[in-house]
Full PDB file with SEQRES, HELIX, SHEET, SSBOND, CRYST1, ORIGX, SCALE, CONECT and MASTER records, all heavy atoms in Angstrom:
SEQRES   1 A   36  SER PRO VAL ASP PHE THR LEU GLN ALA GLU ASN VAL THR          
SEQRES   2 A   36  SER GLN SER GLY VAL SER VAL ILE THR GLY SER HIS ILE          
SEQRES   3 A   36  GLY ALA LEU ASP ALA GLY ASP TRP ALA ARG                      
HELIX    1 AA1 ALA A    9  ASN A   11  5                                   3    
SHEET    1 AA1 2 GLN A  15  SER A  16  0                                        
SHEET    2 AA1 2 TRP A  34  ALA A  35 -1                                        
SHEET    1 AA2 2 VAL A  20  ILE A  21  0                                        
SHEET    2 AA2 2 ILE A  26  GLY A  27 -1                                        
CRYST1    1.000    1.000    1.000  90.00  90.00  90.00 P 1           1          
ORIGX1      1.000000  0.000000  0.000000        0.00000                         
ORIGX2      0.000000  1.000000  0.000000        0.00000                         
ORIGX3      0.000000  0.000000  1.000000        0.00000                         
SCALE1      1.000000  0.000000  0.000000        0.00000                         
SCALE2      0.000000  1.000000  0.000000        0.00000                         
SCALE3      0.000000  0.000000  1.000000        0.00000                         
ATOM      1  N   SER A   1     170.740   4.192 154.873  1.00  0.00           N  
ATOM      2  CA  SER A   1     171.819   4.136 153.881  1.00  0.00           C  
ATOM      3  C   SER A   1     172.405   5.519 153.678  1.00  0.00           C  
ATOM      4  O   SER A   1     171.739   6.530 153.904  1.00  0.00           O  
ATOM      5  CB  SER A   1     171.284   3.590 152.560  1.00  0.00           C  
ATOM      6  OG  SER A   1     170.302   4.444 152.041  1.00  0.00           O  
ATOM      7  N   PRO A   2     173.683   5.583 153.236  1.00  0.00           N  
ATOM      8  CA  PRO A   2     174.322   6.889 153.012  1.00  0.00           C  
ATOM      9  C   PRO A   2     173.598   7.680 151.930  1.00  0.00           C  
ATOM     10  O   PRO A   2     173.011   7.111 151.021  1.00  0.00           O  
ATOM     11  CB  PRO A   2     175.734   6.526 152.551  1.00  0.00           C  
ATOM     12  CG  PRO A   2     175.907   5.079 152.804  1.00  0.00           C  
ATOM     13  CD  PRO A   2     174.555   4.475 152.958  1.00  0.00           C  
ATOM     14  N   VAL A   3     173.640   8.973 152.051  1.00  0.00           N  
ATOM     15  CA  VAL A   3     173.058   9.857 151.049  1.00  0.00           C  
ATOM     16  C   VAL A   3     174.030   9.935 149.881  1.00  0.00           C  
ATOM     17  O   VAL A   3     175.221  10.156 150.066  1.00  0.00           O  
ATOM     18  CB  VAL A   3     172.816  11.266 151.638  1.00  0.00           C  
ATOM     19  CG1 VAL A   3     172.335  12.218 150.565  1.00  0.00           C  
ATOM     20  CG2 VAL A   3     171.844  11.188 152.789  1.00  0.00           C  
ATOM     21  N   ASP A   4     173.540   9.747 148.669  1.00  0.00           N  
ATOM     22  CA  ASP A   4     174.384   9.783 147.477  1.00  0.00           C  
ATOM     23  C   ASP A   4     173.951  10.964 146.618  1.00  0.00           C  
ATOM     24  O   ASP A   4     172.811  11.010 146.165  1.00  0.00           O  
ATOM     25  CB  ASP A   4     174.244   8.478 146.710  1.00  0.00           C  
ATOM     26  CG  ASP A   4     175.214   8.375 145.541  1.00  0.00           C  
ATOM     27  OD1 ASP A   4     176.213   9.114 145.526  1.00  0.00           O  
ATOM     28  OD2 ASP A   4     174.958   7.562 144.648  1.00  0.00           O  
ATOM     29  N   PHE A   5     174.830  11.932 146.456  1.00  0.00           N  
ATOM     30  CA  PHE A   5     174.539  13.037 145.562  1.00  0.00           C  
ATOM     31  C   PHE A   5     175.841  13.563 144.987  1.00  0.00           C  
ATOM     32  O   PHE A   5     176.916  13.289 145.498  1.00  0.00           O  
ATOM     33  CB  PHE A   5     173.751  14.150 146.270  1.00  0.00           C  
ATOM     34  CG  PHE A   5     174.547  14.972 147.241  1.00  0.00           C  
ATOM     35  CD1 PHE A   5     175.098  16.185 146.848  1.00  0.00           C  
ATOM     36  CD2 PHE A   5     174.738  14.553 148.541  1.00  0.00           C  
ATOM     37  CE1 PHE A   5     175.833  16.948 147.745  1.00  0.00           C  
ATOM     38  CE2 PHE A   5     175.460  15.306 149.440  1.00  0.00           C  
ATOM     39  CZ  PHE A   5     176.011  16.509 149.037  1.00  0.00           C  
ATOM     40  N   THR A   6     175.734  14.301 143.903  1.00  0.00           N  
ATOM     41  CA  THR A   6     176.901  14.866 143.242  1.00  0.00           C  
ATOM     42  C   THR A   6     176.902  16.369 143.435  1.00  0.00           C  
ATOM     43  O   THR A   6     175.896  17.032 143.209  1.00  0.00           O  
ATOM     44  CB  THR A   6     176.881  14.542 141.735  1.00  0.00           C  
ATOM     45  OG1 THR A   6     176.899  13.129 141.572  1.00  0.00           O  
ATOM     46  CG2 THR A   6     178.071  15.156 141.028  1.00  0.00           C  
ATOM     47  N   LEU A   7     178.030  16.881 143.853  1.00  0.00           N  
ATOM     48  CA  LEU A   7     178.228  18.321 143.993  1.00  0.00           C  
ATOM     49  C   LEU A   7     179.348  18.698 143.033  1.00  0.00           C  
ATOM     50  O   LEU A   7     180.490  18.293 143.228  1.00  0.00           O  
ATOM     51  CB  LEU A   7     178.608  18.671 145.429  1.00  0.00           C  
ATOM     52  CG  LEU A   7     178.924  20.130 145.705  1.00  0.00           C  
ATOM     53  CD1 LEU A   7     177.677  20.985 145.490  1.00  0.00           C  
ATOM     54  CD2 LEU A   7     179.438  20.287 147.120  1.00  0.00           C  
ATOM     55  N   GLN A   8     178.998  19.395 141.971  1.00  0.00           N  
ATOM     56  CA  GLN A   8     179.988  19.795 140.984  1.00  0.00           C  
ATOM     57  C   GLN A   8     180.869  20.908 141.547  1.00  0.00           C  
ATOM     58  O   GLN A   8     180.365  21.844 142.163  1.00  0.00           O  
ATOM     59  CB  GLN A   8     179.301  20.280 139.712  1.00  0.00           C  
ATOM     60  CG  GLN A   8     178.468  19.224 139.014  1.00  0.00           C  
ATOM     61  CD  GLN A   8     179.317  18.121 138.428  1.00  0.00           C  
ATOM     62  OE1 GLN A   8     179.283  17.003 138.917  1.00  0.00           O  
ATOM     63  NE2 GLN A   8     180.075  18.420 137.421  1.00  0.00           N  
ATOM     64  N   ALA A   9     182.163  20.818 141.332  1.00  0.00           N  
ATOM     65  CA  ALA A   9     183.118  21.790 141.856  1.00  0.00           C  
ATOM     66  C   ALA A   9     182.796  23.210 141.422  1.00  0.00           C  
ATOM     67  O   ALA A   9     182.949  24.160 142.186  1.00  0.00           O  
ATOM     68  CB  ALA A   9     184.535  21.420 141.418  1.00  0.00           C  
ATOM     69  N   GLU A  10     182.307  23.380 140.202  1.00  0.00           N  
ATOM     70  CA  GLU A  10     182.044  24.728 139.695  1.00  0.00           C  
ATOM     71  C   GLU A  10     180.824  25.371 140.340  1.00  0.00           C  
ATOM     72  O   GLU A  10     180.578  26.554 140.163  1.00  0.00           O  
ATOM     73  CB  GLU A  10     181.895  24.713 138.167  1.00  0.00           C  
ATOM     74  CG  GLU A  10     180.653  24.033 137.654  1.00  0.00           C  
ATOM     75  CD  GLU A  10     180.783  22.523 137.468  1.00  0.00           C  
ATOM     76  OE1 GLU A  10     181.742  21.914 137.977  1.00  0.00           O  
ATOM     77  OE2 GLU A  10     179.896  21.952 136.811  1.00  0.00           O  
ATOM     78  N   ASN A  11     180.069  24.638 141.125  1.00  0.00           N  
ATOM     79  CA  ASN A  11     178.914  25.197 141.818  1.00  0.00           C  
ATOM     80  C   ASN A  11     179.292  25.777 143.176  1.00  0.00           C  
ATOM     81  O   ASN A  11     178.493  25.791 144.105  1.00  0.00           O  
ATOM     82  CB  ASN A  11     177.826  24.136 141.976  1.00  0.00           C  
ATOM     83  CG  ASN A  11     177.234  23.739 140.646  1.00  0.00           C  
ATOM     84  OD1 ASN A  11     177.214  24.517 139.715  1.00  0.00           O  
ATOM     85  ND2 ASN A  11     176.770  22.516 140.548  1.00  0.00           N  
ATOM     86  N   VAL A  12     180.479  26.286 143.274  1.00  0.00           N  
ATOM     87  CA  VAL A  12     181.007  26.862 144.500  1.00  0.00           C  
ATOM     88  C   VAL A  12     180.128  28.021 144.962  1.00  0.00           C  
ATOM     89  O   VAL A  12     179.632  28.800 144.157  1.00  0.00           O  
ATOM     90  CB  VAL A  12     182.478  27.298 144.288  1.00  0.00           C  
ATOM     91  CG1 VAL A  12     182.595  28.379 143.236  1.00  0.00           C  
ATOM     92  CG2 VAL A  12     183.140  27.712 145.563  1.00  0.00           C  
ATOM     93  N   THR A  13     179.890  28.106 146.264  1.00  0.00           N  
ATOM     94  CA  THR A  13     179.108  29.188 146.843  1.00  0.00           C  
ATOM     95  C   THR A  13     179.965  30.425 147.048  1.00  0.00           C  
ATOM     96  O   THR A  13     179.548  31.546 146.800  1.00  0.00           O  
ATOM     97  CB  THR A  13     178.525  28.750 148.203  1.00  0.00           C  
ATOM     98  OG1 THR A  13     177.734  27.585 148.001  1.00  0.00           O  
ATOM     99  CG2 THR A  13     177.686  29.842 148.829  1.00  0.00           C  
ATOM    100  N   SER A  14     181.184  30.214 147.513  1.00  0.00           N  
ATOM    101  CA  SER A  14     182.120  31.297 147.789  1.00  0.00           C  
ATOM    102  C   SER A  14     183.513  30.717 147.688  1.00  0.00           C  
ATOM    103  O   SER A  14     183.705  29.510 147.857  1.00  0.00           O  
ATOM    104  CB  SER A  14     181.855  31.849 149.192  1.00  0.00           C  
ATOM    105  OG  SER A  14     182.720  32.902 149.496  1.00  0.00           O  
ATOM    106  N   GLN A  15     184.509  31.574 147.418  1.00  0.00           N  
ATOM    107  CA  GLN A  15     185.868  31.059 147.300  1.00  0.00           C  
ATOM    108  C   GLN A  15     186.891  32.153 147.560  1.00  0.00           C  
ATOM    109  O   GLN A  15     186.567  33.329 147.524  1.00  0.00           O  
ATOM    110  CB  GLN A  15     186.089  30.446 145.914  1.00  0.00           C  
ATOM    111  CG  GLN A  15     185.822  31.365 144.730  1.00  0.00           C  
ATOM    112  CD  GLN A  15     186.965  32.292 144.370  1.00  0.00           C  
ATOM    113  OE1 GLN A  15     188.108  32.051 144.725  1.00  0.00           O  
ATOM    114  NE2 GLN A  15     186.670  33.366 143.665  1.00  0.00           N  
ATOM    115  N   SER A  16     188.116  31.730 147.808  1.00  0.00           N  
ATOM    116  CA  SER A  16     189.239  32.656 147.933  1.00  0.00           C  
ATOM    117  C   SER A  16     190.468  32.000 147.327  1.00  0.00           C  
ATOM    118  O   SER A  16     190.823  30.878 147.688  1.00  0.00           O  
ATOM    119  CB  SER A  16     189.510  32.987 149.402  1.00  0.00           C  
ATOM    120  OG  SER A  16     190.650  33.808 149.519  1.00  0.00           O  
ATOM    121  N   GLY A  17     191.085  32.677 146.375  1.00  0.00           N  
ATOM    122  CA  GLY A  17     192.303  32.178 145.757  1.00  0.00           C  
ATOM    123  C   GLY A  17     192.083  31.216 144.615  1.00  0.00           C  
ATOM    124  O   GLY A  17     193.017  30.859 143.926  1.00  0.00           O  
ATOM    125  N   VAL A  18     190.865  30.782 144.402  1.00  0.00           N  
ATOM    126  CA  VAL A  18     190.555  29.894 143.285  1.00  0.00           C  
ATOM    127  C   VAL A  18     190.436  30.785 142.061  1.00  0.00           C  
ATOM    128  O   VAL A  18     189.459  31.489 141.886  1.00  0.00           O  
ATOM    129  CB  VAL A  18     189.244  29.112 143.543  1.00  0.00           C  
ATOM    130  CG1 VAL A  18     188.906  28.225 142.363  1.00  0.00           C  
ATOM    131  CG2 VAL A  18     189.377  28.293 144.818  1.00  0.00           C  
ATOM    132  N   SER A  19     191.478  30.799 141.216  1.00  0.00           N  
ATOM    133  CA  SER A  19     191.534  31.809 140.172  1.00  0.00           C  
ATOM    134  C   SER A  19     190.933  31.380 138.846  1.00  0.00           C  
ATOM    135  O   SER A  19     190.800  32.197 137.959  1.00  0.00           O  
ATOM    136  CB  SER A  19     192.975  32.273 139.962  1.00  0.00           C  
ATOM    137  OG  SER A  19     193.789  31.198 139.581  1.00  0.00           O  
ATOM    138  N   VAL A  20     190.582  30.119 138.697  1.00  0.00           N  
ATOM    139  CA  VAL A  20     189.979  29.675 137.452  1.00  0.00           C  
ATOM    140  C   VAL A  20     188.720  28.884 137.774  1.00  0.00           C  
ATOM    141  O   VAL A  20     188.767  27.905 138.497  1.00  0.00           O  
ATOM    142  CB  VAL A  20     190.950  28.774 136.651  1.00  0.00           C  
ATOM    143  CG1 VAL A  20     190.287  28.266 135.389  1.00  0.00           C  
ATOM    144  CG2 VAL A  20     192.234  29.521 136.316  1.00  0.00           C  
ATOM    145  N   ILE A  21     187.599  29.337 137.286  1.00  0.00           N  
ATOM    146  CA  ILE A  21     186.357  28.584 137.407  1.00  0.00           C  
ATOM    147  C   ILE A  21     185.775  28.522 136.005  1.00  0.00           C  
ATOM    148  O   ILE A  21     185.439  29.537 135.423  1.00  0.00           O  
ATOM    149  CB  ILE A  21     185.369  29.246 138.386  1.00  0.00           C  
ATOM    150  CG1 ILE A  21     185.985  29.353 139.782  1.00  0.00           C  
ATOM    151  CG2 ILE A  21     184.071  28.452 138.426  1.00  0.00           C  
ATOM    152  CD1 ILE A  21     185.118  30.068 140.782  1.00  0.00           C  
ATOM    153  N   THR A  22     185.706  27.322 135.438  1.00  0.00           N  
ATOM    154  CA  THR A  22     185.182  27.145 134.088  1.00  0.00           C  
ATOM    155  C   THR A  22     183.966  26.246 134.144  1.00  0.00           C  
ATOM    156  O   THR A  22     183.493  25.900 135.217  1.00  0.00           O  
ATOM    157  CB  THR A  22     186.253  26.543 133.159  1.00  0.00           C  
ATOM    158  OG1 THR A  22     186.620  25.255 133.657  1.00  0.00           O  
ATOM    159  CG2 THR A  22     187.487  27.421 133.085  1.00  0.00           C  
ATOM    160  N   GLY A  23     183.498  25.812 132.990  1.00  0.00           N  
ATOM    161  CA  GLY A  23     182.280  25.020 132.904  1.00  0.00           C  
ATOM    162  C   GLY A  23     182.225  23.807 133.803  1.00  0.00           C  
ATOM    163  O   GLY A  23     181.168  23.457 134.303  1.00  0.00           O  
ATOM    164  N   SER A  24     183.332  23.157 134.061  1.00  0.00           N  
ATOM    165  CA  SER A  24     183.287  21.957 134.891  1.00  0.00           C  
ATOM    166  C   SER A  24     184.493  21.828 135.812  1.00  0.00           C  
ATOM    167  O   SER A  24     184.785  20.741 136.290  1.00  0.00           O  
ATOM    168  CB  SER A  24     183.186  20.712 134.003  1.00  0.00           C  
ATOM    169  OG  SER A  24     184.330  20.613 133.184  1.00  0.00           O  
ATOM    170  N   HIS A  25     185.200  22.911 136.055  1.00  0.00           N  
ATOM    171  CA  HIS A  25     186.424  22.849 136.847  1.00  0.00           C  
ATOM    172  C   HIS A  25     186.549  24.052 137.785  1.00  0.00           C  
ATOM    173  O   HIS A  25     186.047  25.121 137.485  1.00  0.00           O  
ATOM    174  CB  HIS A  25     187.666  22.913 135.949  1.00  0.00           C  
ATOM    175  CG  HIS A  25     187.778  21.836 134.950  1.00  0.00           C  
ATOM    176  ND1 HIS A  25     186.920  21.714 133.892  1.00  0.00           N  
ATOM    177  CD2 HIS A  25     188.660  20.830 134.828  1.00  0.00           C  
ATOM    178  CE1 HIS A  25     187.278  20.679 133.151  1.00  0.00           C  
ATOM    179  NE2 HIS A  25     188.321  20.125 133.705  1.00  0.00           N  
ATOM    180  N   ILE A  26     187.237  23.856 138.883  1.00  0.00           N  
ATOM    181  CA  ILE A  26     187.862  24.961 139.585  1.00  0.00           C  
ATOM    182  C   ILE A  26     189.350  24.670 139.476  1.00  0.00           C  
ATOM    183  O   ILE A  26     189.757  23.518 139.301  1.00  0.00           O  
ATOM    184  CB  ILE A  26     187.407  25.105 141.055  1.00  0.00           C  
ATOM    185  CG1 ILE A  26     187.741  23.878 141.881  1.00  0.00           C  
ATOM    186  CG2 ILE A  26     185.929  25.405 141.125  1.00  0.00           C  
ATOM    187  CD1 ILE A  26     187.474  24.061 143.369  1.00  0.00           C  
ATOM    188  N   GLY A  27     190.166  25.691 139.520  1.00  0.00           N  
ATOM    189  CA  GLY A  27     191.576  25.427 139.288  1.00  0.00           C  
ATOM    190  C   GLY A  27     192.483  26.479 139.862  1.00  0.00           C  
ATOM    191  O   GLY A  27     192.051  27.425 140.504  1.00  0.00           O  
ATOM    192  N   ALA A  28     193.768  26.290 139.559  1.00  0.00           N  
ATOM    193  CA  ALA A  28     194.836  27.173 140.014  1.00  0.00           C  
ATOM    194  C   ALA A  28     194.813  27.302 141.528  1.00  0.00           C  
ATOM    195  O   ALA A  28     194.899  28.386 142.080  1.00  0.00           O  
ATOM    196  CB  ALA A  28     194.749  28.534 139.324  1.00  0.00           C  
ATOM    197  N   LEU A  29     194.658  26.180 142.200  1.00  0.00           N  
ATOM    198  CA  LEU A  29     194.607  26.171 143.660  1.00  0.00           C  
ATOM    199  C   LEU A  29     196.007  26.149 144.242  1.00  0.00           C  
ATOM    200  O   LEU A  29     196.871  25.409 143.787  1.00  0.00           O  
ATOM    201  CB  LEU A  29     193.842  24.935 144.146  1.00  0.00           C  
ATOM    202  CG  LEU A  29     192.407  24.821 143.659  1.00  0.00           C  
ATOM    203  CD1 LEU A  29     191.851  23.453 143.992  1.00  0.00           C  
ATOM    204  CD2 LEU A  29     191.565  25.906 144.265  1.00  0.00           C  
ATOM    205  N   ASP A  30     196.225  26.958 145.243  1.00  0.00           N  
ATOM    206  CA  ASP A  30     197.481  27.000 145.973  1.00  0.00           C  
ATOM    207  C   ASP A  30     197.193  26.788 147.454  1.00  0.00           C  
ATOM    208  O   ASP A  30     196.035  26.885 147.889  1.00  0.00           O  
ATOM    209  CB  ASP A  30     198.172  28.362 145.776  1.00  0.00           C  
ATOM    210  CG  ASP A  30     198.579  28.593 144.323  1.00  0.00           C  
ATOM    211  OD1 ASP A  30     199.246  27.720 143.752  1.00  0.00           O  
ATOM    212  OD2 ASP A  30     198.209  29.643 143.774  1.00  0.00           O  
ATOM    213  N   ALA A  31     198.231  26.544 148.214  1.00  0.00           N  
ATOM    214  CA  ALA A  31     198.065  26.363 149.660  1.00  0.00           C  
ATOM    215  C   ALA A  31     197.318  27.559 150.239  1.00  0.00           C  
ATOM    216  O   ALA A  31     197.611  28.707 149.912  1.00  0.00           O  
ATOM    217  CB  ALA A  31     199.422  26.203 150.327  1.00  0.00           C  
ATOM    218  N   GLY A  32     196.327  27.289 151.067  1.00  0.00           N  
ATOM    219  CA  GLY A  32     195.546  28.339 151.698  1.00  0.00           C  
ATOM    220  C   GLY A  32     194.306  28.755 150.927  1.00  0.00           C  
ATOM    221  O   GLY A  32     193.453  29.463 151.456  1.00  0.00           O  
ATOM    222  N   ASP A  33     194.182  28.355 149.659  1.00  0.00           N  
ATOM    223  CA  ASP A  33     192.977  28.661 148.885  1.00  0.00           C  
ATOM    224  C   ASP A  33     191.828  27.805 149.406  1.00  0.00           C  
ATOM    225  O   ASP A  33     192.046  26.739 149.974  1.00  0.00           O  
ATOM    226  CB  ASP A  33     193.193  28.353 147.403  1.00  0.00           C  
ATOM    227  CG  ASP A  33     194.213  29.271 146.751  1.00  0.00           C  
ATOM    228  OD1 ASP A  33     194.647  30.244 147.394  1.00  0.00           O  
ATOM    229  OD2 ASP A  33     194.577  28.996 145.598  1.00  0.00           O  
ATOM    230  N   TRP A  34     190.618  28.283 149.212  1.00  0.00           N  
ATOM    231  CA  TRP A  34     189.475  27.509 149.676  1.00  0.00           C  
ATOM    232  C   TRP A  34     188.251  27.756 148.809  1.00  0.00           C  
ATOM    233  O   TRP A  34     188.161  28.763 148.109  1.00  0.00           O  
ATOM    234  CB  TRP A  34     189.145  27.809 151.140  1.00  0.00           C  
ATOM    235  CG  TRP A  34     188.889  29.263 151.449  1.00  0.00           C  
ATOM    236  CD1 TRP A  34     189.819  30.154 151.899  1.00  0.00           C  
ATOM    237  CD2 TRP A  34     187.662  29.981 151.320  1.00  0.00           C  
ATOM    238  NE1 TRP A  34     189.234  31.390 152.066  1.00  0.00           N  
ATOM    239  CE2 TRP A  34     187.905  31.308 151.727  1.00  0.00           C  
ATOM    240  CE3 TRP A  34     186.378  29.636 150.928  1.00  0.00           C  
ATOM    241  CZ2 TRP A  34     186.920  32.286 151.728  1.00  0.00           C  
ATOM    242  CZ3 TRP A  34     185.386  30.616 150.929  1.00  0.00           C  
ATOM    243  CH2 TRP A  34     185.663  31.919 151.331  1.00  0.00           C  
ATOM    244  N   ALA A  35     187.353  26.797 148.851  1.00  0.00           N  
ATOM    245  CA  ALA A  35     186.059  26.905 148.192  1.00  0.00           C  
ATOM    246  C   ALA A  35     185.007  26.450 149.193  1.00  0.00           C  
ATOM    247  O   ALA A  35     185.212  25.481 149.915  1.00  0.00           O  
ATOM    248  CB  ALA A  35     186.010  26.039 146.937  1.00  0.00           C  
ATOM    249  N   ARG A  36     183.896  27.173 149.247  1.00  0.00           N  
ATOM    250  CA  ARG A  36     182.813  26.833 150.170  1.00  0.00           C  
ATOM    251  C   ARG A  36     181.586  26.390 149.378  1.00  0.00           C  
ATOM    252  O   ARG A  36     181.235  26.972 148.360  1.00  0.00           O  
ATOM    253  CB  ARG A  36     182.435  28.045 151.019  1.00  0.00           C  
ATOM    254  CG  ARG A  36     181.400  27.678 152.095  1.00  0.00           C  
ATOM    255  CD  ARG A  36     180.976  28.875 152.907  1.00  0.00           C  
ATOM    256  NE  ARG A  36     179.825  29.483 152.208  1.00  0.00           N  
ATOM    257  CZ  ARG A  36     179.563  30.772 152.222  1.00  0.00           C  
ATOM    258  NH1 ARG A  36     180.345  31.619 152.865  1.00  0.00           N  
ATOM    259  NH2 ARG A  36     178.513  31.246 151.583  1.00  0.00           N  
TER     260      ARG A  36                                                      
MASTER        0    0    0    1    4    0    0    6  259    1    0    3          
END                                                                             
């Protein structure tokens, strides 16, 4: 069966261009921005 797990966006390992990271969000994403 498929693996079921939740990965919260704010638990980003690394990022570029993601200018807002709060308690439960990443934000202000524009073309070319990324989160790893």
